[in-house]
Amino acid sequence: MHRLRLSLSHLYATLFLIYLIAPLLVMAGAAFNDSRLPSIVPWKGWTLKWFGEMASDERMMLAFVNTLWVAAAVALISVIVGTASAILINSISGRVRTVIYGLMISTILIPGVVIGISTMLLWTKVGNALDTEFFLFGAGLHLSVLGQVSYIAAMVMLLVLARLQSFDAGLEEAALDLGASHSQVMRRILLPHLYPAIGAGGAVAFFQSIENYNVTQFTRGGADTLTVYVFSMVRSGITPAINALAVIMISVTILAAILYELRRRRIERLMRETAPAED
């Protein structure tokens, strides 16, 4: 019976991996197929021309650059807001904690369309009330950043809050008793403990922003991001040039993950090698 359960678990894991990886392989294969349609069936031969068309498509490249800038800004602001919110929620108790936590989490449950429209209406109304044409109160990628941060920051908060559950508050009290200031405790004790969660939250925020469409569509003004560009191309027909860009993005992501894992293992190996000397 144990062997049967083990075999079934291996089968399930294999099928699950195939379910995840197969669409990516099909998408990547279309980037090398000499066919105008983004497909691997029928296979018409190997080609690299779609990478050339990708590089020559100025609108796609501009949309890609805009996407990276927006994602970087969203990741930075979400990490700051989410980390601060997690620390605040962890330091208080009672009904106030429940209210603040509920307000932060509620943004995740709101549809992206509602967030996008609300963000646009809010800043437009504020600009009209102040009778100003300052760029902050008009549509543009800056409003896309603000709209995305309003719910992505909550995801970062959850990751940091989970990490805070393993933090020993006695370390803060001991540091304060020894003469450390609150800023020193934050900088040298609390934040180093939170770095793994902050890094994970930044990565989640970055990739959540890249794939966002609903909020961006209603706040972007005349600017393009990659998701908006792809959706606009659906009407006229998508070419495998977008598949070529996706192959590059996936390759960079996989390479970054491999480098991170190699670095993590190297640090663990160095820590094991130096541990006996410290004893």
C-alpha atoms as a PDB file:
ATOM      1  CA  MET A   1       0.000   0.000   0.000  1.00  0.00           C
ATOM      2  CA  HIS A   2       2.847   2.342   0.840  1.00  0.00           C
ATOM      3  CA  ARG A   3       4.468   1.649  -2.536  1.00  0.00           C
ATOM      4  CA  LEU A   4       1.151   2.316  -4.299  1.00  0.00           C
ATOM      5  CA  ARG A   5       0.718   5.680  -2.554  1.00  0.00           C
ATOM      6  CA  LEU A   6       4.300   6.595  -3.405  1.00  0.00           C
ATOM      7  CA  SER A   7       3.782   5.688  -7.064  1.00  0.00           C
ATOM      8  CA  LEU A   8       0.547   7.683  -7.223  1.00  0.00           C
ATOM      9  CA  SER A   9       2.207  10.713  -5.626  1.00  0.00           C
ATOM     10  CA  HIS A  10       5.049  10.534  -8.174  1.00  0.00           C
ATOM     11  CA  LEU A  11       2.524  10.231 -11.000  1.00  0.00           C
ATOM     12  CA  TYR A  12       0.569  13.205  -9.700  1.00  0.00           C
ATOM     13  CA  ALA A  13       3.739  15.308  -9.373  1.00  0.00           C
ATOM     14  CA  THR A  14       4.797  14.375 -12.914  1.00  0.00           C
ATOM     15  CA  LEU A  15       1.401  15.219 -14.403  1.00  0.00           C
ATOM     16  CA  PHE A  16       1.308  18.486 -12.480  1.00  0.00           C
ATOM     17  CA  LEU A  17       4.730  19.513 -13.798  1.00  0.00           C
ATOM     18  CA  ILE A  18       3.670  18.620 -17.341  1.00  0.00           C
ATOM     19  CA  TYR A  19       0.521  20.703 -16.858  1.00  0.00           C
ATOM     20  CA  LEU A  20       2.655  23.681 -15.824  1.00  0.00           C
ATOM     21  CA  ILE A  21       5.509  23.346 -18.307  1.00  0.00           C
ATOM     22  CA  ALA A  22       3.714  22.144 -21.472  1.00  0.00           C
ATOM     23  CA  PRO A  23       2.089  25.537 -22.301  1.00  0.00           C
ATOM     24  CA  LEU A  24       5.467  27.244 -21.884  1.00  0.00           C
ATOM     25  CA  LEU A  25       7.125  24.760 -24.223  1.00  0.00           C
ATOM     26  CA  VAL A  26       4.410  25.242 -26.839  1.00  0.00           C
ATOM     27  CA  MET A  27       4.701  29.012 -26.523  1.00  0.00           C
ATOM     28  CA  ALA A  28       8.498  28.865 -26.792  1.00  0.00           C
ATOM     29  CA  GLY A  29       8.342  26.508 -29.776  1.00  0.00           C
ATOM     30  CA  ALA A  30       6.125  28.942 -31.682  1.00  0.00           C
ATOM     31  CA  ALA A  31       8.921  31.532 -31.508  1.00  0.00           C
ATOM     32  CA  PHE A  32      11.094  29.259 -33.664  1.00  0.00           C
ATOM     33  CA  ASN A  33       8.404  28.059 -36.085  1.00  0.00           C
ATOM     34  CA  ASP A  34       8.461  29.581 -39.574  1.00  0.00           C
ATOM     35  CA  SER A  35       4.724  30.260 -39.476  1.00  0.00           C
ATOM     36  CA  ARG A  36       2.840  33.539 -39.350  1.00  0.00           C
ATOM     37  CA  LEU A  37       0.562  32.148 -36.669  1.00  0.00           C
ATOM     38  CA  PRO A  38       1.903  31.631 -33.111  1.00  0.00           C
ATOM     39  CA  SER A  39       1.612  27.854 -33.229  1.00  0.00           C
ATOM     40  CA  ILE A  40       3.774  24.749 -33.501  1.00  0.00           C
ATOM     41  CA  VAL A  41       1.249  22.884 -35.641  1.00  0.00           C
ATOM     42  CA  PRO A  42       1.911  22.621 -38.490  1.00  0.00           C
ATOM     43  CA  TRP A  43       5.683  22.870 -38.100  1.00  0.00           C
ATOM     44  CA  LYS A  44       7.103  24.741 -41.101  1.00  0.00           C
ATOM     45  CA  GLY A  45      10.773  24.779 -40.143  1.00  0.00           C
ATOM     46  CA  TRP A  46      13.187  26.456 -37.763  1.00  0.00           C
ATOM     47  CA  THR A  47      13.693  30.209 -37.960  1.00  0.00           C
ATOM     48  CA  LEU A  48      15.002  33.123 -35.878  1.00  0.00           C
ATOM     49  CA  LYS A  49      13.254  35.838 -37.871  1.00  0.00           C
ATOM     50  CA  TRP A  50      10.672  36.481 -35.149  1.00  0.00           C
ATOM     51  CA  PHE A  51      13.435  37.667 -32.824  1.00  0.00           C
ATOM     52  CA  GLY A  52      14.442  40.155 -35.512  1.00  0.00           C
ATOM     53  CA  GLU A  53      10.856  41.335 -35.933  1.00  0.00           C
ATOM     54  CA  MET A  54      10.587  41.670 -32.173  1.00  0.00           C
ATOM     55  CA  ALA A  55      13.650  43.922 -32.038  1.00  0.00           C
ATOM     56  CA  SER A  56      12.385  46.051 -34.942  1.00  0.00           C
ATOM     57  CA  ASP A  57       8.903  46.526 -33.463  1.00  0.00           C
ATOM     58  CA  GLU A  58       9.354  49.920 -31.794  1.00  0.00           C
ATOM     59  CA  ARG A  59       5.919  49.926 -30.197  1.00  0.00           C
ATOM     60  CA  MET A  60       6.513  46.533 -28.584  1.00  0.00           C
ATOM     61  CA  MET A  61       9.946  47.567 -27.304  1.00  0.00           C
ATOM     62  CA  LEU A  62       8.554  50.806 -25.873  1.00  0.00           C
ATOM     63  CA  ALA A  63       5.707  48.885 -24.213  1.00  0.00           C
ATOM     64  CA  PHE A  64       8.233  46.446 -22.760  1.00  0.00           C
ATOM     65  CA  VAL A  65      10.400  49.255 -21.357  1.00  0.00           C
ATOM     66  CA  ASN A  66       7.307  50.948 -19.880  1.00  0.00           C
ATOM     67  CA  THR A  67       6.322  47.656 -18.286  1.00  0.00           C
ATOM     68  CA  LEU A  68       9.726  47.271 -16.638  1.00  0.00           C
ATOM     69  CA  TRP A  69       9.692  50.841 -15.311  1.00  0.00           C
ATOM     70  CA  VAL A  70       6.182  50.466 -13.901  1.00  0.00           C
ATOM     71  CA  ALA A  71       7.010  47.061 -12.368  1.00  0.00           C
ATOM     72  CA  ALA A  72      10.184  48.413 -10.738  1.00  0.00           C
ATOM     73  CA  ALA A  73       8.299  51.391  -9.272  1.00  0.00           C
ATOM     74  CA  VAL A  74       5.454  49.181  -8.047  1.00  0.00           C
ATOM     75  CA  ALA A  75       7.910  46.744  -6.451  1.00  0.00           C
ATOM     76  CA  LEU A  76       9.801  49.530  -4.655  1.00  0.00           C
ATOM     77  CA  ILE A  77       6.730  51.325  -3.307  1.00  0.00           C
ATOM     78  CA  SER A  78       4.919  48.078  -2.435  1.00  0.00           C
ATOM     79  CA  VAL A  79       7.910  46.828  -0.437  1.00  0.00           C
ATOM     80  CA  ILE A  80       8.047  50.075   1.546  1.00  0.00           C
ATOM     81  CA  VAL A  81       4.304  50.264   2.175  1.00  0.00           C
ATOM     82  CA  GLY A  82       3.839  46.526   2.748  1.00  0.00           C
ATOM     83  CA  THR A  83       6.789  46.217   5.141  1.00  0.00           C
ATOM     84  CA  ALA A  84       5.731  49.278   7.142  1.00  0.00           C
ATOM     85  CA  SER A  85       2.155  47.972   7.341  1.00  0.00           C
ATOM     86  CA  ALA A  86       3.303  44.549   8.510  1.00  0.00           C
ATOM     87  CA  ILE A  87       5.503  46.050  11.234  1.00  0.00           C
ATOM     88  CA  LEU A  88       2.659  48.321  12.351  1.00  0.00           C
ATOM     89  CA  ILE A  89       0.090  45.515  12.456  1.00  0.00           C
ATOM     90  CA  ASN A  90       2.510  43.263  14.322  1.00  0.00           C
ATOM     91  CA  SER A  91       3.165  45.923  16.960  1.00  0.00           C
ATOM     92  CA  ILE A  92      -0.449  46.653  17.886  1.00  0.00           C
ATOM     93  CA  SER A  93      -3.352  44.556  19.107  1.00  0.00           C
ATOM     94  CA  GLY A  94      -7.062  44.673  19.622  1.00  0.00           C
ATOM     95  CA  ARG A  95      -9.725  46.132  17.372  1.00  0.00           C
ATOM     96  CA  VAL A  96      -7.378  48.643  15.739  1.00  0.00           C
ATOM     97  CA  ARG A  97      -5.186  45.807  14.483  1.00  0.00           C
ATOM     98  CA  THR A  98      -8.223  44.013  13.057  1.00  0.00           C
ATOM     99  CA  VAL A  99      -9.458  47.135  11.283  1.00  0.00           C
ATOM    100  CA  ILE A 100      -6.094  47.975   9.709  1.00  0.00           C
ATOM    101  CA  TYR A 101      -5.514  44.357   8.677  1.00  0.00           C
ATOM    102  CA  GLY A 102      -8.986  44.136   7.157  1.00  0.00           C
ATOM    103  CA  LEU A 103      -8.534  47.371   5.208  1.00  0.00           C
ATOM    104  CA  MET A 104      -5.236  46.166   3.746  1.00  0.00           C
ATOM    105  CA  ILE A 105      -6.553  42.732   2.823  1.00  0.00           C
ATOM    106  CA  SER A 106      -9.775  44.081   1.311  1.00  0.00           C
ATOM    107  CA  THR A 107      -7.849  45.588  -1.607  1.00  0.00           C
ATOM    108  CA  ILE A 108      -6.870  42.094  -2.774  1.00  0.00           C
ATOM    109  CA  LEU A 109     -10.527  41.117  -2.982  1.00  0.00           C
ATOM    110  CA  ILE A 110     -11.560  44.122  -5.086  1.00  0.00           C
ATOM    111  CA  PRO A 111     -11.659  43.441  -8.867  1.00  0.00           C
ATOM    112  CA  GLY A 112      -8.894  45.096 -10.852  1.00  0.00           C
ATOM    113  CA  VAL A 113     -11.399  46.909 -13.040  1.00  0.00           C
ATOM    114  CA  VAL A 114     -12.875  48.628  -9.975  1.00  0.00           C
ATOM    115  CA  ILE A 115      -9.423  49.605  -8.705  1.00  0.00           C
ATOM    116  CA  GLY A 116      -8.444  51.003 -12.094  1.00  0.00           C
ATOM    117  CA  ILE A 117     -11.605  53.065 -12.520  1.00  0.00           C
ATOM    118  CA  SER A 118     -11.525  54.256  -8.893  1.00  0.00           C
ATOM    119  CA  THR A 119      -7.892  55.346  -9.148  1.00  0.00           C
ATOM    120  CA  MET A 120      -8.563  57.287 -12.319  1.00  0.00           C
ATOM    121  CA  LEU A 121     -11.697  58.970 -10.931  1.00  0.00           C
ATOM    122  CA  LEU A 122     -10.054  59.842  -7.606  1.00  0.00           C
ATOM    123  CA  TRP A 123      -7.042  61.650  -9.033  1.00  0.00           C
ATOM    124  CA  THR A 124      -9.048  63.303 -11.797  1.00  0.00           C
ATOM    125  CA  LYS A 125     -11.564  64.659  -9.290  1.00  0.00           C
ATOM    126  CA  VAL A 126      -8.798  65.900  -7.010  1.00  0.00           C
ATOM    127  CA  GLY A 127      -7.166  67.675  -9.945  1.00  0.00           C
ATOM    128  CA  ASN A 128     -10.478  69.280 -10.929  1.00  0.00           C
ATOM    129  CA  ALA A 129     -11.128  70.354  -7.343  1.00  0.00           C
ATOM    130  CA  LEU A 130      -7.703  71.997  -7.131  1.00  0.00           C
ATOM    131  CA  ASP A 131      -8.165  73.478 -10.608  1.00  0.00           C
ATOM    132  CA  THR A 132      -4.745  72.301 -11.713  1.00  0.00           C
ATOM    133  CA  GLU A 133      -3.379  70.490 -14.742  1.00  0.00           C
ATOM    134  CA  PHE A 134      -0.393  69.077 -12.874  1.00  0.00           C
ATOM    135  CA  PHE A 135       0.600  65.757 -14.483  1.00  0.00           C
ATOM    136  CA  LEU A 136       0.006  63.791 -11.276  1.00  0.00           C
ATOM    137  CA  PHE A 137      -3.743  64.353 -11.598  1.00  0.00           C
ATOM    138  CA  GLY A 138      -3.975  63.135 -15.186  1.00  0.00           C
ATOM    139  CA  ALA A 139      -3.952  59.690 -16.730  1.00  0.00           C
ATOM    140  CA  GLY A 140      -0.549  58.105 -17.245  1.00  0.00           C
ATOM    141  CA  LEU A 141       1.745  55.342 -16.109  1.00  0.00           C
ATOM    142  CA  HIS A 142       2.201  57.060 -12.736  1.00  0.00           C
ATOM    143  CA  LEU A 143      -1.480  56.377 -12.003  1.00  0.00           C
ATOM    144  CA  SER A 144      -0.948  52.766 -13.085  1.00  0.00           C
ATOM    145  CA  VAL A 145       1.787  52.536 -10.457  1.00  0.00           C
ATOM    146  CA  LEU A 146      -0.442  54.020  -7.736  1.00  0.00           C
ATOM    147  CA  GLY A 147      -3.383  51.810  -8.692  1.00  0.00           C
ATOM    148  CA  GLN A 148      -1.306  48.626  -8.670  1.00  0.00           C
ATOM    149  CA  VAL A 149       0.394  49.485  -5.385  1.00  0.00           C
ATOM    150  CA  SER A 150      -3.014  49.828  -3.713  1.00  0.00           C
ATOM    151  CA  TYR A 151      -3.465  46.036  -3.770  1.00  0.00           C
ATOM    152  CA  ILE A 152      -0.005  44.586  -4.455  1.00  0.00           C
ATOM    153  CA  ALA A 153       1.306  46.182  -1.253  1.00  0.00           C
ATOM    154  CA  ALA A 154      -1.110  43.948   0.667  1.00  0.00           C
ATOM    155  CA  MET A 155       0.561  40.849  -0.803  1.00  0.00           C
ATOM    156  CA  VAL A 156       3.948  42.093   0.369  1.00  0.00           C
ATOM    157  CA  MET A 157       2.446  42.803   3.776  1.00  0.00           C
ATOM    158  CA  LEU A 158       1.241  39.212   4.129  1.00  0.00           C
ATOM    159  CA  LEU A 159       4.705  37.817   3.324  1.00  0.00           C
ATOM    160  CA  VAL A 160       6.466  40.144   5.765  1.00  0.00           C
ATOM    161  CA  LEU A 161       3.817  39.562   8.434  1.00  0.00           C
ATOM    162  CA  ALA A 162       4.332  35.803   8.162  1.00  0.00           C
ATOM    163  CA  ARG A 163       8.079  36.299   8.602  1.00  0.00           C
ATOM    164  CA  LEU A 164       7.493  38.478  11.669  1.00  0.00           C
ATOM    165  CA  GLN A 165       5.790  35.569  13.423  1.00  0.00           C
ATOM    166  CA  SER A 166       9.199  33.896  13.794  1.00  0.00           C
ATOM    167  CA  PHE A 167      10.896  37.027  15.151  1.00  0.00           C
ATOM    168  CA  ASP A 168      11.917  36.975  18.813  1.00  0.00           C
ATOM    169  CA  ALA A 169      10.759  40.260  20.329  1.00  0.00           C
ATOM    170  CA  GLY A 170      13.199  39.667  23.175  1.00  0.00           C
ATOM    171  CA  LEU A 171      16.043  40.583  20.840  1.00  0.00           C
ATOM    172  CA  GLU A 172      14.612  44.092  20.467  1.00  0.00           C
ATOM    173  CA  GLU A 173      14.202  44.493  24.223  1.00  0.00           C
ATOM    174  CA  ALA A 174      17.726  43.260  24.869  1.00  0.00           C
ATOM    175  CA  ALA A 175      19.175  45.664  22.295  1.00  0.00           C
ATOM    176  CA  LEU A 176      17.266  48.599  23.768  1.00  0.00           C
ATOM    177  CA  ASP A 177      18.422  47.678  27.277  1.00  0.00           C
ATOM    178  CA  LEU A 178      22.020  47.661  26.035  1.00  0.00           C
ATOM    179  CA  GLY A 179      21.686  51.216  24.767  1.00  0.00           C
ATOM    180  CA  ALA A 180      20.723  50.775  21.123  1.00  0.00           C
ATOM    181  CA  SER A 181      18.381  53.327  19.595  1.00  0.00           C
ATOM    182  CA  HIS A 182      15.131  52.356  17.913  1.00  0.00           C
ATOM    183  CA  SER A 183      16.615  53.110  14.488  1.00  0.00           C
ATOM    184  CA  GLN A 184      19.604  50.851  15.238  1.00  0.00           C
ATOM    185  CA  VAL A 185      17.290  48.050  16.351  1.00  0.00           C
ATOM    186  CA  MET A 186      15.306  48.444  13.160  1.00  0.00           C
ATOM    187  CA  ARG A 187      18.375  48.579  10.927  1.00  0.00           C
ATOM    188  CA  ARG A 188      20.545  45.901  12.548  1.00  0.00           C
ATOM    189  CA  ILE A 189      18.091  43.430  14.071  1.00  0.00           C
ATOM    190  CA  LEU A 190      14.576  43.608  12.634  1.00  0.00           C
ATOM    191  CA  LEU A 191      15.255  44.350   8.950  1.00  0.00           C
ATOM    192  CA  PRO A 192      17.981  41.684   8.534  1.00  0.00           C
ATOM    193  CA  HIS A 193      15.476  39.149   9.842  1.00  0.00           C
ATOM    194  CA  LEU A 194      12.899  40.390   7.323  1.00  0.00           C
ATOM    195  CA  TYR A 195      15.201  40.510   4.276  1.00  0.00           C
ATOM    196  CA  PRO A 196      14.095  37.096   2.880  1.00  0.00           C
ATOM    197  CA  ALA A 197      10.420  38.096   3.062  1.00  0.00           C
ATOM    198  CA  ILE A 198      11.137  41.576   1.703  1.00  0.00           C
ATOM    199  CA  GLY A 199      13.026  40.071  -1.238  1.00  0.00           C
ATOM    200  CA  ALA A 200      10.239  37.595  -1.922  1.00  0.00           C
ATOM    201  CA  GLY A 201       7.666  40.382  -1.643  1.00  0.00           C
ATOM    202  CA  GLY A 202       9.598  42.538  -4.090  1.00  0.00           C
ATOM    203  CA  ALA A 203       9.735  39.677  -6.595  1.00  0.00           C
ATOM    204  CA  VAL A 204       6.007  38.985  -6.210  1.00  0.00           C
ATOM    205  CA  ALA A 205       5.192  42.678  -6.641  1.00  0.00           C
ATOM    206  CA  PHE A 206       7.407  42.953  -9.728  1.00  0.00           C
ATOM    207  CA  PHE A 207       5.849  40.016 -11.547  1.00  0.00           C
ATOM    208  CA  GLN A 208       2.316  40.883 -10.443  1.00  0.00           C
ATOM    209  CA  SER A 209       2.809  44.305 -12.005  1.00  0.00           C
ATOM    210  CA  ILE A 210       4.178  42.880 -15.260  1.00  0.00           C
ATOM    211  CA  GLU A 211       1.094  40.731 -15.822  1.00  0.00           C
ATOM    212  CA  ASN A 212      -1.406  43.373 -14.708  1.00  0.00           C
ATOM    213  CA  TYR A 213      -3.922  44.511 -17.302  1.00  0.00           C
ATOM    214  CA  ASN A 214      -7.160  45.744 -15.731  1.00  0.00           C
ATOM    215  CA  VAL A 215      -5.730  48.526 -13.568  1.00  0.00           C
ATOM    216  CA  THR A 216      -3.284  49.626 -16.256  1.00  0.00           C
ATOM    217  CA  GLN A 217      -5.918  49.752 -18.971  1.00  0.00           C
ATOM    218  CA  PHE A 218      -7.973  52.386 -17.128  1.00  0.00           C
ATOM    219  CA  THR A 219      -5.100  54.527 -15.833  1.00  0.00           C
ATOM    220  CA  ARG A 220      -2.386  54.437 -18.501  1.00  0.00           C
ATOM    221  CA  GLY A 221      -3.587  57.349 -20.612  1.00  0.00           C
ATOM    222  CA  GLY A 222      -1.987  56.965 -24.050  1.00  0.00           C
ATOM    223  CA  ALA A 223       0.999  54.929 -22.870  1.00  0.00           C
ATOM    224  CA  ASP A 224       1.413  51.246 -23.658  1.00  0.00           C
ATOM    225  CA  THR A 225       2.496  48.380 -21.459  1.00  0.00           C
ATOM    226  CA  LEU A 226       3.156  44.858 -22.643  1.00  0.00           C
ATOM    227  CA  THR A 227      -0.214  43.437 -21.585  1.00  0.00           C
ATOM    228  CA  VAL A 228      -2.084  46.328 -23.180  1.00  0.00           C
ATOM    229  CA  TYR A 229      -0.038  45.947 -26.356  1.00  0.00           C
ATOM    230  CA  VAL A 230      -0.730  42.208 -26.597  1.00  0.00           C
ATOM    231  CA  PHE A 231      -4.455  42.726 -26.061  1.00  0.00           C
ATOM    232  CA  SER A 232      -4.568  45.443 -28.733  1.00  0.00           C
ATOM    233  CA  MET A 233      -2.827  43.102 -31.189  1.00  0.00           C
ATOM    234  CA  VAL A 234      -5.508  40.441 -30.730  1.00  0.00           C
ATOM    235  CA  ARG A 235      -7.787  42.353 -33.087  1.00  0.00           C
ATOM    236  CA  SER A 236      -5.284  42.557 -35.932  1.00  0.00           C
ATOM    237  CA  GLY A 237      -3.580  39.233 -35.240  1.00  0.00           C
ATOM    238  CA  ILE A 238      -0.686  38.318 -32.965  1.00  0.00           C
ATOM    239  CA  THR A 239       2.551  37.231 -34.611  1.00  0.00           C
ATOM    240  CA  PRO A 240       5.192  34.963 -33.037  1.00  0.00           C
ATOM    241  CA  ALA A 241       7.276  38.095 -32.332  1.00  0.00           C
ATOM    242  CA  ILE A 242       5.540  38.278 -28.953  1.00  0.00           C
ATOM    243  CA  ASN A 243       6.502  34.637 -28.383  1.00  0.00           C
ATOM    244  CA  ALA A 244      10.125  35.585 -29.033  1.00  0.00           C
ATOM    245  CA  LEU A 245       9.954  38.267 -26.347  1.00  0.00           C
ATOM    246  CA  ALA A 246       8.321  35.805 -23.966  1.00  0.00           C
ATOM    247  CA  VAL A 247      11.138  33.299 -24.567  1.00  0.00           C
ATOM    248  CA  ILE A 248      13.700  35.941 -23.605  1.00  0.00           C
ATOM    249  CA  MET A 249      11.759  36.923 -20.470  1.00  0.00           C
ATOM    250  CA  ILE A 250      11.355  33.309 -19.345  1.00  0.00           C
ATOM    251  CA  SER A 251      15.025  32.572 -20.026  1.00  0.00           C
ATOM    252  CA  VAL A 252      16.137  35.567 -17.954  1.00  0.00           C
ATOM    253  CA  THR A 253      13.805  34.540 -15.113  1.00  0.00           C
ATOM    254  CA  ILE A 254      15.087  30.958 -15.107  1.00  0.00           C
ATOM    255  CA  LEU A 255      18.698  32.158 -15.218  1.00  0.00           C
ATOM    256  CA  ALA A 256      18.090  34.519 -12.295  1.00  0.00           C
ATOM    257  CA  ALA A 257      16.484  31.701 -10.291  1.00  0.00           C
ATOM    258  CA  ILE A 258      19.436  29.382 -10.996  1.00  0.00           C
ATOM    259  CA  LEU A 259      21.969  32.048  -9.988  1.00  0.00           C
ATOM    260  CA  TYR A 260      20.030  32.756  -6.792  1.00  0.00           C
ATOM    261  CA  GLU A 261      19.904  29.068  -5.893  1.00  0.00           C
ATOM    262  CA  LEU A 262      23.628  28.625  -6.572  1.00  0.00           C
ATOM    263  CA  ARG A 263      24.394  31.649  -4.391  1.00  0.00           C
ATOM    264  CA  ARG A 264      22.160  30.343  -1.599  1.00  0.00           C
ATOM    265  CA  ARG A 265      23.850  26.946  -1.640  1.00  0.00           C
ATOM    266  CA  ARG A 266      27.283  28.567  -1.674  1.00  0.00           C
ATOM    267  CA  ILE A 267      26.410  30.661   1.388  1.00  0.00           C
ATOM    268  CA  GLU A 268      25.074  27.590   3.212  1.00  0.00           C
ATOM    269  CA  ARG A 269      28.233  25.649   2.367  1.00  0.00           C
ATOM    270  CA  LEU A 270      30.446  28.465   3.645  1.00  0.00           C
ATOM    271  CA  MET A 271      28.418  28.673   6.852  1.00  0.00           C
ATOM    272  CA  ARG A 272      28.818  24.927   7.437  1.00  0.00           C
ATOM    273  CA  GLU A 273      32.559  25.139   6.786  1.00  0.00           C
ATOM    274  CA  THR A 274      33.072  28.037   9.183  1.00  0.00           C
ATOM    275  CA  ALA A 275      30.810  26.710  11.940  1.00  0.00           C
ATOM    276  CA  PRO A 276      33.411  24.359  13.545  1.00  0.00           C
ATOM    277  CA  ALA A 277      36.002  27.147  13.657  1.00  0.00           C
ATOM    278  CA  GLU A 278      33.627  29.371  15.608  1.00  0.00           C
ATOM    279  CA  ASP A 279      33.061  26.660  18.192  1.00  0.00           C
END
